[in-house]
Amino acid sequence: MTIDLTRRTLLQLAGASSLAVAAAAAARAEGNLQGTGPTYASRTPMRVGMVTLRVRSLDTVADYYRDVIGLTVMERSATAAKLGTSGITLLVLEARPDAAIEPRNAAGLYHTAFLMPTRKDLARWLVAAASHRVKLSGFADHLVSESVYLDDPEGNGIEVYADRDPSQWQWSEGSVKMASDELNIPDLLSLTNPRVPDYARAPDGLRIGHMHLRVGDLAQAHGFYHGTIGLDPTRSRNGAAFLSSGRYHHHLGMNVWQSQGAGQRDDQTTGLAWFSLVTAKQEILAAQAERLRKGGTQVTTLADGVEAIDPWGTRVRLLRI
């Protein structure tokens, strides 16, 4: 498989006639760190921990994340599956065989973003995806990162991406410069051999770099995730806002592109059950819990933290690790 053939294959899988079209498809969905240590996204005071999804077909969806993303199935029963890498749980699937599929104009999950440790890992994954003819929905160069988009079998959005080195991120007055430019696929694939897929499983350093949510109102979402949860704004544009901890480009994206005015989510449908933000600092967790209680947010105490519910019913667990 040559680089040109791989490039055409990727375009076909994305249903696009050009890379520019594929980048445009990714524009609404929204690197290159060296070594095997934690990426920048995981070295911040808070970071994304794990995600739990409600799914109709447990085996189908679990097999997809195993075969396409490369996650290891750590536990599986008739009612749930736990997947991750290097012994760390990243994704839990809960079986809801009778659930309706959550509509795309509801609040909830836009995508879960799996962060590759290096740009070469992203290239290796992309070759494997092409060789297995995985259906893709878009590609984009976001300046801070390079991304590929796809959906799992029940329509839950996925981003697979690699960050550029933070020294290349451009900040101005607290806002980081991002874009949705055309992804240079030939340059990306030059890092690996496109004729020989060698991505059998996710690298040990794979983590969830960020979450992107559909919300009903950006100002209300900002009030909850910034004012109460404590994430800092990093960028806003055209119906979307991005927040992070520790000057990461974003641990959380929020948009109203399809969900403006959405009401409470139906927890009997498929989709995002909850996600976690984790910290090693007790004082951060204590401050979060205090703000939640003072703000009148419904809070449930957990063994290692608290669970809060955002204005649309999405559950966020704030946990100490």
C-alpha atoms as a PDB file:
ATOM      1  CA  MET A   1       0.000   0.000   0.000  1.00  0.00           C
ATOM      2  CA  THR A   2       1.636   3.237  -1.127  1.00  0.00           C
ATOM      3  CA  ILE A   3       1.211   6.576   0.552  1.00  0.00           C
ATOM      4  CA  ASP A   4      -0.920   7.857  -2.355  1.00  0.00           C
ATOM      5  CA  LEU A   5      -3.143   4.796  -2.223  1.00  0.00           C
ATOM      6  CA  THR A   6      -3.502   5.168   1.519  1.00  0.00           C
ATOM      7  CA  ARG A   7      -4.409   8.828   1.027  1.00  0.00           C
ATOM      8  CA  ARG A   8      -7.133   7.944  -1.492  1.00  0.00           C
ATOM      9  CA  THR A   9      -8.387   5.179   0.748  1.00  0.00           C
ATOM     10  CA  LEU A  10      -8.689   7.553   3.682  1.00  0.00           C
ATOM     11  CA  LEU A  11     -10.643  10.023   1.580  1.00  0.00           C
ATOM     12  CA  GLN A  12     -12.987   7.274   0.422  1.00  0.00           C
ATOM     13  CA  LEU A  13     -13.530   6.138   3.997  1.00  0.00           C
ATOM     14  CA  ALA A  14     -14.388   9.715   4.949  1.00  0.00           C
ATOM     15  CA  GLY A  15     -16.770  10.028   2.001  1.00  0.00           C
ATOM     16  CA  ALA A  16     -14.854  13.099   0.809  1.00  0.00           C
ATOM     17  CA  SER A  17     -13.574  14.138  -2.604  1.00  0.00           C
ATOM     18  CA  SER A  18     -10.648  16.107  -1.213  1.00  0.00           C
ATOM     19  CA  LEU A  19      -8.736  16.693   1.991  1.00  0.00           C
ATOM     20  CA  ALA A  20     -10.211  20.182   2.131  1.00  0.00           C
ATOM     21  CA  VAL A  21     -13.714  18.687   2.219  1.00  0.00           C
ATOM     22  CA  ALA A  22     -12.630  16.249   4.923  1.00  0.00           C
ATOM     23  CA  ALA A  23     -11.178  19.115   6.963  1.00  0.00           C
ATOM     24  CA  ALA A  24     -14.422  21.039   6.613  1.00  0.00           C
ATOM     25  CA  ALA A  25     -16.327  18.002   7.901  1.00  0.00           C
ATOM     26  CA  ALA A  26     -14.059  17.969  10.943  1.00  0.00           C
ATOM     27  CA  ALA A  27     -14.257  21.728  11.499  1.00  0.00           C
ATOM     28  CA  ARG A  28     -17.378  21.355  13.549  1.00  0.00           C
ATOM     29  CA  ALA A  29     -15.996  18.432  15.458  1.00  0.00           C
ATOM     30  CA  GLU A  30     -13.294  20.576  16.450  1.00  0.00           C
ATOM     31  CA  GLY A  31       1.094  16.606  17.849  1.00  0.00           C
ATOM     32  CA  ASN A  32       3.926  15.511  18.655  1.00  0.00           C
ATOM     33  CA  LEU A  33       5.204  14.822  22.200  1.00  0.00           C
ATOM     34  CA  GLN A  34       8.283  12.675  22.496  1.00  0.00           C
ATOM     35  CA  GLY A  35       9.053   9.836  24.861  1.00  0.00           C
ATOM     36  CA  THR A  36       6.856   7.492  26.831  1.00  0.00           C
ATOM     37  CA  GLY A  37       5.970   9.681  29.809  1.00  0.00           C
ATOM     38  CA  PRO A  38       2.611  11.370  30.377  1.00  0.00           C
ATOM     39  CA  THR A  39       1.526  13.830  27.716  1.00  0.00           C
ATOM     40  CA  TYR A  40       0.952  17.474  28.623  1.00  0.00           C
ATOM     41  CA  ALA A  41      -2.788  16.788  28.913  1.00  0.00           C
ATOM     42  CA  SER A  42      -2.113  14.369  31.772  1.00  0.00           C
ATOM     43  CA  ARG A  43       0.376  16.540  33.664  1.00  0.00           C
ATOM     44  CA  THR A  44      -2.094  19.321  34.464  1.00  0.00           C
ATOM     45  CA  PRO A  45      -3.726  19.846  37.875  1.00  0.00           C
ATOM     46  CA  MET A  46      -6.946  18.310  36.516  1.00  0.00           C
ATOM     47  CA  ARG A  47      -7.385  15.982  33.573  1.00  0.00           C
ATOM     48  CA  VAL A  48      -9.969  13.673  32.041  1.00  0.00           C
ATOM     49  CA  GLY A  49      -9.987  10.231  33.613  1.00  0.00           C
ATOM     50  CA  MET A  50     -12.524   7.879  32.075  1.00  0.00           C
ATOM     51  CA  VAL A  51     -15.845   7.742  30.238  1.00  0.00           C
ATOM     52  CA  THR A  52     -18.907   5.549  30.716  1.00  0.00           C
ATOM     53  CA  LEU A  53     -21.342   5.015  27.832  1.00  0.00           C
ATOM     54  CA  ARG A  54     -24.755   3.380  27.750  1.00  0.00           C
ATOM     55  CA  VAL A  55     -24.976   1.111  24.688  1.00  0.00           C
ATOM     56  CA  ARG A  56     -27.578  -1.160  23.145  1.00  0.00           C
ATOM     57  CA  SER A  57     -25.244  -3.816  21.767  1.00  0.00           C
ATOM     58  CA  LEU A  58     -22.501  -4.375  24.316  1.00  0.00           C
ATOM     59  CA  ASP A  59     -20.510  -6.901  22.298  1.00  0.00           C
ATOM     60  CA  THR A  60     -20.636  -4.894  19.069  1.00  0.00           C
ATOM     61  CA  VAL A  61     -19.487  -1.654  20.682  1.00  0.00           C
ATOM     62  CA  ALA A  62     -16.873  -3.305  22.909  1.00  0.00           C
ATOM     63  CA  ASP A  63     -15.406  -5.143  19.932  1.00  0.00           C
ATOM     64  CA  TYR A  64     -15.264  -1.857  18.002  1.00  0.00           C
ATOM     65  CA  TYR A  65     -13.220  -0.047  20.645  1.00  0.00           C
ATOM     66  CA  ARG A  66     -10.995  -3.126  20.943  1.00  0.00           C
ATOM     67  CA  ASP A  67     -10.460  -3.626  17.210  1.00  0.00           C
ATOM     68  CA  VAL A  68     -10.515  -0.029  15.943  1.00  0.00           C
ATOM     69  CA  ILE A  69      -9.000   2.000  18.809  1.00  0.00           C
ATOM     70  CA  GLY A  70      -6.923  -0.888  20.149  1.00  0.00           C
ATOM     71  CA  LEU A  71      -8.167  -0.823  23.727  1.00  0.00           C
ATOM     72  CA  THR A  72      -7.751  -3.941  25.845  1.00  0.00           C
ATOM     73  CA  VAL A  73     -10.938  -5.553  27.157  1.00  0.00           C
ATOM     74  CA  MET A  74     -10.089  -5.759  30.846  1.00  0.00           C
ATOM     75  CA  GLU A  75     -13.434  -7.148  32.037  1.00  0.00           C
ATOM     76  CA  ARG A  76     -16.588  -8.226  30.259  1.00  0.00           C
ATOM     77  CA  SER A  77     -19.910  -9.579  31.517  1.00  0.00           C
ATOM     78  CA  ALA A  78     -23.442  -9.741  30.169  1.00  0.00           C
ATOM     79  CA  THR A  79     -24.131  -6.240  31.482  1.00  0.00           C
ATOM     80  CA  ALA A  80     -20.881  -4.267  31.189  1.00  0.00           C
ATOM     81  CA  ALA A  81     -17.424  -4.104  29.662  1.00  0.00           C
ATOM     82  CA  LYS A  82     -14.345  -2.295  30.939  1.00  0.00           C
ATOM     83  CA  LEU A  83     -11.642  -1.292  28.443  1.00  0.00           C
ATOM     84  CA  GLY A  84      -8.335   0.502  28.743  1.00  0.00           C
ATOM     85  CA  THR A  85      -4.612   0.281  28.235  1.00  0.00           C
ATOM     86  CA  SER A  86      -1.640  -0.575  30.447  1.00  0.00           C
ATOM     87  CA  GLY A  87      -4.034  -1.612  33.195  1.00  0.00           C
ATOM     88  CA  ILE A  88      -5.770   1.784  33.314  1.00  0.00           C
ATOM     89  CA  THR A  89      -9.506   1.908  32.666  1.00  0.00           C
ATOM     90  CA  LEU A  90     -10.458   4.505  30.053  1.00  0.00           C
ATOM     91  CA  LEU A  91     -13.893   3.364  28.913  1.00  0.00           C
ATOM     92  CA  VAL A  92     -16.772   1.505  30.547  1.00  0.00           C
ATOM     93  CA  LEU A  93     -19.750   0.323  28.514  1.00  0.00           C
ATOM     94  CA  GLU A  94     -23.076  -0.380  30.214  1.00  0.00           C
ATOM     95  CA  ALA A  95     -25.522  -2.653  28.387  1.00  0.00           C
ATOM     96  CA  ARG A  96     -28.946  -1.079  27.786  1.00  0.00           C
ATOM     97  CA  PRO A  97     -30.392  -3.360  25.072  1.00  0.00           C
ATOM     98  CA  ASP A  98     -33.854  -1.738  25.139  1.00  0.00           C
ATOM     99  CA  ALA A  99     -32.668   1.872  25.137  1.00  0.00           C
ATOM    100  CA  ALA A 100     -33.472   4.278  22.337  1.00  0.00           C
ATOM    101  CA  ILE A 101     -30.533   5.916  20.575  1.00  0.00           C
ATOM    102  CA  GLU A 102     -29.952   9.408  21.977  1.00  0.00           C
ATOM    103  CA  PRO A 103     -30.807  11.973  19.276  1.00  0.00           C
ATOM    104  CA  ARG A 104     -28.012  14.186  17.956  1.00  0.00           C
ATOM    105  CA  ASN A 105     -29.894  17.373  18.849  1.00  0.00           C
ATOM    106  CA  ALA A 106     -29.980  16.394  22.527  1.00  0.00           C
ATOM    107  CA  ALA A 107     -27.374  17.504  25.019  1.00  0.00           C
ATOM    108  CA  GLY A 108     -24.764  14.849  25.716  1.00  0.00           C
ATOM    109  CA  LEU A 109     -21.652  13.477  24.070  1.00  0.00           C
ATOM    110  CA  TYR A 110     -20.229  15.082  20.944  1.00  0.00           C
ATOM    111  CA  HIS A 111     -17.055  13.018  21.016  1.00  0.00           C
ATOM    112  CA  THR A 112     -14.546  11.263  23.227  1.00  0.00           C
ATOM    113  CA  ALA A 113     -11.021  12.233  22.198  1.00  0.00           C
ATOM    114  CA  PHE A 114      -8.311   9.586  22.487  1.00  0.00           C
ATOM    115  CA  LEU A 115      -4.891  11.215  22.682  1.00  0.00           C
ATOM    116  CA  MET A 116      -1.992   9.304  21.151  1.00  0.00           C
ATOM    117  CA  PRO A 117       1.354   9.653  22.962  1.00  0.00           C
ATOM    118  CA  THR A 118       3.170  10.661  19.749  1.00  0.00           C
ATOM    119  CA  ARG A 119       2.482  11.736  16.204  1.00  0.00           C
ATOM    120  CA  LYS A 120       4.003   8.489  14.963  1.00  0.00           C
ATOM    121  CA  ASP A 121       1.429   6.553  17.006  1.00  0.00           C
ATOM    122  CA  LEU A 122      -1.301   8.511  15.232  1.00  0.00           C
ATOM    123  CA  ALA A 123       0.252   7.649  11.868  1.00  0.00           C
ATOM    124  CA  ARG A 124       0.443   3.964  12.767  1.00  0.00           C
ATOM    125  CA  TRP A 125      -3.172   3.979  13.893  1.00  0.00           C
ATOM    126  CA  LEU A 126      -4.290   5.699  10.687  1.00  0.00           C
ATOM    127  CA  VAL A 127      -2.581   3.093   8.500  1.00  0.00           C
ATOM    128  CA  ALA A 128      -4.292   0.330  10.474  1.00  0.00           C
ATOM    129  CA  ALA A 129      -7.663   2.073  10.171  1.00  0.00           C
ATOM    130  CA  ALA A 130      -7.233   2.364   6.409  1.00  0.00           C
ATOM    131  CA  SER A 131      -6.137  -1.254   6.043  1.00  0.00           C
ATOM    132  CA  HIS A 132      -9.269  -2.383   7.911  1.00  0.00           C
ATOM    133  CA  ARG A 133     -11.446   0.055   5.940  1.00  0.00           C
ATOM    134  CA  VAL A 134     -12.748   1.762   9.068  1.00  0.00           C
ATOM    135  CA  LYS A 135     -15.303   4.411   8.141  1.00  0.00           C
ATOM    136  CA  LEU A 136     -13.969   7.870   9.009  1.00  0.00           C
ATOM    137  CA  SER A 137     -15.884  11.146   9.156  1.00  0.00           C
ATOM    138  CA  GLY A 138     -13.134  13.761   8.841  1.00  0.00           C
ATOM    139  CA  PHE A 139      -9.560  14.948   9.288  1.00  0.00           C
ATOM    140  CA  ALA A 140      -8.236  18.267  10.554  1.00  0.00           C
ATOM    141  CA  ASP A 141      -5.091  20.121  11.550  1.00  0.00           C
ATOM    142  CA  HIS A 142      -6.056  22.188  14.592  1.00  0.00           C
ATOM    143  CA  LEU A 143      -2.613  23.863  14.879  1.00  0.00           C
ATOM    144  CA  VAL A 144      -2.275  22.600  18.458  1.00  0.00           C
ATOM    145  CA  SER A 145      -3.019  19.039  17.313  1.00  0.00           C
ATOM    146  CA  GLU A 146      -3.795  16.760  14.372  1.00  0.00           C
ATOM    147  CA  SER A 147      -7.059  14.847  14.411  1.00  0.00           C
ATOM    148  CA  VAL A 148      -9.090  12.106  12.774  1.00  0.00           C
ATOM    149  CA  TYR A 149     -12.824  11.728  13.426  1.00  0.00           C
ATOM    150  CA  LEU A 150     -15.130   8.714  13.364  1.00  0.00           C
ATOM    151  CA  ASP A 151     -18.230   7.290  15.062  1.00  0.00           C
ATOM    152  CA  ASP A 152     -18.727   4.050  16.932  1.00  0.00           C
ATOM    153  CA  PRO A 153     -21.504   1.662  15.782  1.00  0.00           C
ATOM    154  CA  GLU A 154     -24.142   3.492  17.845  1.00  0.00           C
ATOM    155  CA  GLY A 155     -23.161   6.978  16.721  1.00  0.00           C
ATOM    156  CA  ASN A 156     -21.018   8.027  19.678  1.00  0.00           C
ATOM    157  CA  GLY A 157     -18.430  10.438  18.311  1.00  0.00           C
ATOM    158  CA  ILE A 158     -14.716   9.668  18.538  1.00  0.00           C
ATOM    159  CA  GLU A 159     -11.633  11.769  17.891  1.00  0.00           C
ATOM    160  CA  VAL A 160      -8.190  10.189  17.638  1.00  0.00           C
ATOM    161  CA  TYR A 161      -5.466  12.817  17.809  1.00  0.00           C
ATOM    162  CA  ALA A 162      -1.889  13.732  18.612  1.00  0.00           C
ATOM    163  CA  ASP A 163      -0.757  17.019  20.117  1.00  0.00           C
ATOM    164  CA  ARG A 164       1.927  19.235  18.749  1.00  0.00           C
ATOM    165  CA  ASP A 165       4.559  20.209  21.265  1.00  0.00           C
ATOM    166  CA  PRO A 166       3.154  22.899  23.614  1.00  0.00           C
ATOM    167  CA  SER A 167       6.036  25.176  22.621  1.00  0.00           C
ATOM    168  CA  GLN A 168       4.301  25.490  19.230  1.00  0.00           C
ATOM    169  CA  TRP A 169       0.923  26.524  20.644  1.00  0.00           C
ATOM    170  CA  GLN A 170       0.205  30.214  20.156  1.00  0.00           C
ATOM    171  CA  TRP A 171      -1.462  32.046  23.040  1.00  0.00           C
ATOM    172  CA  SER A 172      -2.785  35.609  23.049  1.00  0.00           C
ATOM    173  CA  GLU A 173      -4.524  37.203  26.039  1.00  0.00           C
ATOM    174  CA  GLY A 174      -5.407  33.825  27.500  1.00  0.00           C
ATOM    175  CA  SER A 175      -6.765  32.386  24.266  1.00  0.00           C
ATOM    176  CA  VAL A 176      -5.015  29.636  22.304  1.00  0.00           C
ATOM    177  CA  LYS A 177      -4.983  29.779  18.511  1.00  0.00           C
ATOM    178  CA  MET A 178      -6.765  26.833  16.887  1.00  0.00           C
ATOM    179  CA  ALA A 179      -8.127  26.129  13.418  1.00  0.00           C
ATOM    180  CA  SER A 180      -9.593  23.324  11.339  1.00  0.00           C
ATOM    181  CA  ASP A 181      -7.139  23.279   8.464  1.00  0.00           C
ATOM    182  CA  GLU A 182      -6.428  20.537   5.976  1.00  0.00           C
ATOM    183  CA  LEU A 183      -4.523  17.652   7.540  1.00  0.00           C
ATOM    184  CA  ASN A 184      -1.241  16.869   5.775  1.00  0.00           C
ATOM    185  CA  ILE A 185      -1.782  13.128   5.528  1.00  0.00           C
ATOM    186  CA  PRO A 186       1.290  12.341   3.381  1.00  0.00           C
ATOM    187  CA  ASP A 187       3.532  14.090   5.916  1.00  0.00           C
ATOM    188  CA  LEU A 188       1.857  12.224   8.765  1.00  0.00           C
ATOM    189  CA  LEU A 189       2.231   8.880   7.003  1.00  0.00           C
ATOM    190  CA  SER A 190       5.917   9.536   6.286  1.00  0.00           C
ATOM    191  CA  LEU A 191       6.520   8.610   9.938  1.00  0.00           C
ATOM    192  CA  THR A 192       5.601   4.971   9.367  1.00  0.00           C
ATOM    193  CA  ASN A 193       5.468   2.309   6.651  1.00  0.00           C
ATOM    194  CA  PRO A 194       2.013   2.555   5.056  1.00  0.00           C
ATOM    195  CA  ARG A 195       2.488  -0.845   3.419  1.00  0.00           C
ATOM    196  CA  VAL A 196       2.801  -2.668   6.737  1.00  0.00           C
ATOM    197  CA  PRO A 197       0.138  -1.975   9.385  1.00  0.00           C
ATOM    198  CA  ASP A 198       1.803  -2.465  12.779  1.00  0.00           C
ATOM    199  CA  TYR A 199      -0.825  -1.052  15.148  1.00  0.00           C
ATOM    200  CA  ALA A 200      -2.106  -4.151  16.958  1.00  0.00           C
ATOM    201  CA  ARG A 201      -3.156  -2.425  20.174  1.00  0.00           C
ATOM    202  CA  ALA A 202      -3.235   1.004  21.746  1.00  0.00           C
ATOM    203  CA  PRO A 203       0.126   2.269  23.033  1.00  0.00           C
ATOM    204  CA  ASP A 204       0.546   2.234  26.797  1.00  0.00           C
ATOM    205  CA  GLY A 205       0.452   6.029  26.941  1.00  0.00           C
ATOM    206  CA  LEU A 206      -2.925   6.410  25.233  1.00  0.00           C
ATOM    207  CA  ARG A 207      -5.330   8.454  27.347  1.00  0.00           C
ATOM    208  CA  ILE A 208      -8.542  10.419  26.929  1.00  0.00           C
ATOM    209  CA  GLY A 209      -7.148  13.852  26.199  1.00  0.00           C
ATOM    210  CA  HIS A 210     -10.432  15.720  26.188  1.00  0.00           C
ATOM    211  CA  MET A 211     -14.190  15.447  26.120  1.00  0.00           C
ATOM    212  CA  HIS A 212     -16.451  17.376  23.786  1.00  0.00           C
ATOM    213  CA  LEU A 213     -20.076  17.837  24.849  1.00  0.00           C
ATOM    214  CA  ARG A 214     -23.284  18.994  23.238  1.00  0.00           C
ATOM    215  CA  VAL A 215     -24.965  21.537  25.517  1.00  0.00           C
ATOM    216  CA  GLY A 216     -28.151  23.593  25.342  1.00  0.00           C
ATOM    217  CA  ASP A 217     -26.682  26.999  26.137  1.00  0.00           C
ATOM    218  CA  LEU A 218     -23.037  28.096  26.105  1.00  0.00           C
ATOM    219  CA  ALA A 219     -23.343  30.748  28.818  1.00  0.00           C
ATOM    220  CA  GLN A 220     -25.004  28.294  31.166  1.00  0.00           C
ATOM    221  CA  ALA A 221     -22.414  25.628  30.344  1.00  0.00           C
ATOM    222  CA  HIS A 222     -19.613  28.120  30.949  1.00  0.00           C
ATOM    223  CA  GLY A 223     -21.104  28.987  34.316  1.00  0.00           C
ATOM    224  CA  PHE A 224     -21.104  25.340  35.363  1.00  0.00           C
ATOM    225  CA  TYR A 225     -17.832  24.029  33.938  1.00  0.00           C
ATOM    226  CA  HIS A 226     -15.809  27.200  34.597  1.00  0.00           C
ATOM    227  CA  GLY A 227     -17.551  28.847  37.510  1.00  0.00           C
ATOM    228  CA  THR A 228     -18.347  25.674  39.442  1.00  0.00           C
ATOM    229  CA  ILE A 229     -16.075  22.895  38.198  1.00  0.00           C
ATOM    230  CA  GLY A 230     -13.088  25.240  37.897  1.00  0.00           C
ATOM    231  CA  LEU A 231     -11.820  24.732  34.360  1.00  0.00           C
ATOM    232  CA  ASP A 232     -10.317  27.793  32.679  1.00  0.00           C
ATOM    233  CA  PRO A 233     -11.531  29.176  29.332  1.00  0.00           C
ATOM    234  CA  THR A 234      -9.014  28.796  26.509  1.00  0.00           C
ATOM    235  CA  ARG A 235     -10.990  29.639  23.376  1.00  0.00           C
ATOM    236  CA  SER A 236     -14.477  30.406  22.057  1.00  0.00           C
ATOM    237  CA  ARG A 237     -15.812  30.566  18.524  1.00  0.00           C
ATOM    238  CA  ASN A 238     -19.006  30.161  16.497  1.00  0.00           C
ATOM    239  CA  GLY A 239     -21.194  28.368  18.983  1.00  0.00           C
ATOM    240  CA  ALA A 240     -18.409  26.519  20.783  1.00  0.00           C
ATOM    241  CA  ALA A 241     -16.238  27.066  23.852  1.00  0.00           C
ATOM    242  CA  PHE A 242     -13.153  25.294  25.155  1.00  0.00           C
ATOM    243  CA  LEU A 243     -11.808  25.001  28.701  1.00  0.00           C
ATOM    244  CA  SER A 244      -8.840  23.357  30.369  1.00  0.00           C
ATOM    245  CA  SER A 245      -6.668  22.955  33.422  1.00  0.00           C
ATOM    246  CA  GLY A 246      -3.052  24.105  33.489  1.00  0.00           C
ATOM    247  CA  ARG A 247      -3.023  25.801  30.063  1.00  0.00           C
ATOM    248  CA  TYR A 248      -3.711  22.685  28.060  1.00  0.00           C
ATOM    249  CA  HIS A 249      -5.456  23.717  24.829  1.00  0.00           C
ATOM    250  CA  HIS A 250      -8.649  22.042  26.083  1.00  0.00           C
ATOM    251  CA  HIS A 251      -9.759  19.219  28.329  1.00  0.00           C
ATOM    252  CA  LEU A 252     -13.364  20.089  27.560  1.00  0.00           C
ATOM    253  CA  GLY A 253     -15.111  21.314  24.447  1.00  0.00           C
ATOM    254  CA  MET A 254     -18.755  22.401  24.423  1.00  0.00           C
ATOM    255  CA  ASN A 255     -20.972  23.336  21.483  1.00  0.00           C
ATOM    256  CA  VAL A 256     -24.564  24.193  20.555  1.00  0.00           C
ATOM    257  CA  TRP A 257     -24.227  23.420  16.848  1.00  0.00           C
ATOM    258  CA  GLN A 258     -27.013  20.843  16.934  1.00  0.00           C
ATOM    259  CA  SER A 259     -28.292  21.225  20.491  1.00  0.00           C
ATOM    260  CA  GLN A 260     -29.114  24.906  21.040  1.00  0.00           C
ATOM    261  CA  GLY A 261     -32.019  25.066  23.479  1.00  0.00           C
ATOM    262  CA  ALA A 262     -31.801  21.379  24.406  1.00  0.00           C
ATOM    263  CA  GLY A 263     -33.557  20.385  27.600  1.00  0.00           C
ATOM    264  CA  GLN A 264     -32.851  17.671  30.137  1.00  0.00           C
ATOM    265  CA  ARG A 265     -31.317  14.490  28.806  1.00  0.00           C
ATOM    266  CA  ASP A 266     -33.221  11.223  29.002  1.00  0.00           C
ATOM    267  CA  ASP A 267     -31.075   8.807  31.001  1.00  0.00           C
ATOM    268  CA  GLN A 268     -33.024   5.906  29.523  1.00  0.00           C
ATOM    269  CA  THR A 269     -31.407   6.503  26.139  1.00  0.00           C
ATOM    270  CA  THR A 270     -27.957   5.481  24.937  1.00  0.00           C
ATOM    271  CA  GLY A 271     -24.967   7.819  25.101  1.00  0.00           C
ATOM    272  CA  LEU A 272     -22.810   9.372  27.773  1.00  0.00           C
ATOM    273  CA  ALA A 273     -23.593   8.132  31.293  1.00  0.00           C
ATOM    274  CA  TRP A 274     -20.767  10.030  33.010  1.00  0.00           C
ATOM    275  CA  PHE A 275     -17.156  11.096  32.668  1.00  0.00           C
ATOM    276  CA  SER A 276     -14.540  11.899  35.259  1.00  0.00           C
ATOM    277  CA  LEU A 277     -12.128  14.735  35.891  1.00  0.00           C
ATOM    278  CA  VAL A 278      -9.321  13.602  38.165  1.00  0.00           C
ATOM    279  CA  THR A 279      -6.744  15.370  40.315  1.00  0.00           C
ATOM    280  CA  ALA A 280      -3.962  14.376  42.672  1.00  0.00           C
ATOM    281  CA  LYS A 281      -4.543  17.468  44.813  1.00  0.00           C
ATOM    282  CA  GLN A 282      -7.002  17.215  47.684  1.00  0.00           C
ATOM    283  CA  GLU A 283      -7.309  21.001  47.884  1.00  0.00           C
ATOM    284  CA  ILE A 284      -8.608  21.150  44.287  1.00  0.00           C
ATOM    285  CA  LEU A 285     -11.204  18.485  44.990  1.00  0.00           C
ATOM    286  CA  ALA A 286     -12.252  20.196  48.223  1.00  0.00           C
ATOM    287  CA  ALA A 287     -12.643  23.551  46.464  1.00  0.00           C
ATOM    288  CA  GLN A 288     -14.729  21.952  43.727  1.00  0.00           C
ATOM    289  CA  ALA A 289     -17.026  20.281  46.231  1.00  0.00           C
ATOM    290  CA  GLU A 290     -17.477  23.533  48.141  1.00  0.00           C
ATOM    291  CA  ARG A 291     -18.346  25.507  44.990  1.00  0.00           C
ATOM    292  CA  LEU A 292     -20.819  22.821  43.932  1.00  0.00           C
ATOM    293  CA  ARG A 293     -22.616  22.876  47.245  1.00  0.00           C
ATOM    294  CA  LYS A 294     -22.701  26.675  47.458  1.00  0.00           C
ATOM    295  CA  GLY A 295     -24.012  26.834  43.909  1.00  0.00           C
ATOM    296  CA  GLY A 296     -26.929  24.584  44.701  1.00  0.00           C
ATOM    297  CA  THR A 297     -25.749  21.845  42.362  1.00  0.00           C
ATOM    298  CA  GLN A 298     -26.936  18.333  43.123  1.00  0.00           C
ATOM    299  CA  VAL A 299     -23.911  16.513  44.549  1.00  0.00           C
ATOM    300  CA  THR A 300     -23.437  12.863  45.429  1.00  0.00           C
ATOM    301  CA  THR A 301     -20.543  11.867  47.679  1.00  0.00           C
ATOM    302  CA  LEU A 302     -18.392   9.017  46.346  1.00  0.00           C
ATOM    303  CA  ALA A 303     -15.626   7.043  48.035  1.00  0.00           C
ATOM    304  CA  ASP A 304     -12.931   8.973  46.146  1.00  0.00           C
ATOM    305  CA  GLY A 305     -14.687  12.214  45.312  1.00  0.00           C
ATOM    306  CA  VAL A 306     -18.062  13.622  44.300  1.00  0.00           C
ATOM    307  CA  GLU A 307     -20.472  13.398  41.401  1.00  0.00           C
ATOM    308  CA  ALA A 308     -22.208  16.489  40.066  1.00  0.00           C
ATOM    309  CA  ILE A 309     -24.856  16.897  37.386  1.00  0.00           C
ATOM    310  CA  ASP A 310     -24.583  19.607  34.761  1.00  0.00           C
ATOM    311  CA  PRO A 311     -27.623  21.693  33.701  1.00  0.00           C
ATOM    312  CA  TRP A 312     -28.656  19.070  31.098  1.00  0.00           C
ATOM    313  CA  GLY A 313     -28.252  15.985  33.245  1.00  0.00           C
ATOM    314  CA  THR A 314     -24.756  14.930  32.211  1.00  0.00           C
ATOM    315  CA  ARG A 315     -22.950  13.461  35.207  1.00  0.00           C
ATOM    316  CA  VAL A 316     -19.393  14.570  35.997  1.00  0.00           C
ATOM    317  CA  ARG A 317     -17.338  12.759  38.596  1.00  0.00           C
ATOM    318  CA  LEU A 318     -14.605  14.758  40.308  1.00  0.00           C
ATOM    319  CA  LEU A 319     -12.171  12.228  41.692  1.00  0.00           C
ATOM    320  CA  ARG A 320      -8.871  12.181  43.544  1.00  0.00           C
ATOM    321  CA  ILE A 321      -6.255   9.752  42.248  1.00  0.00           C
END
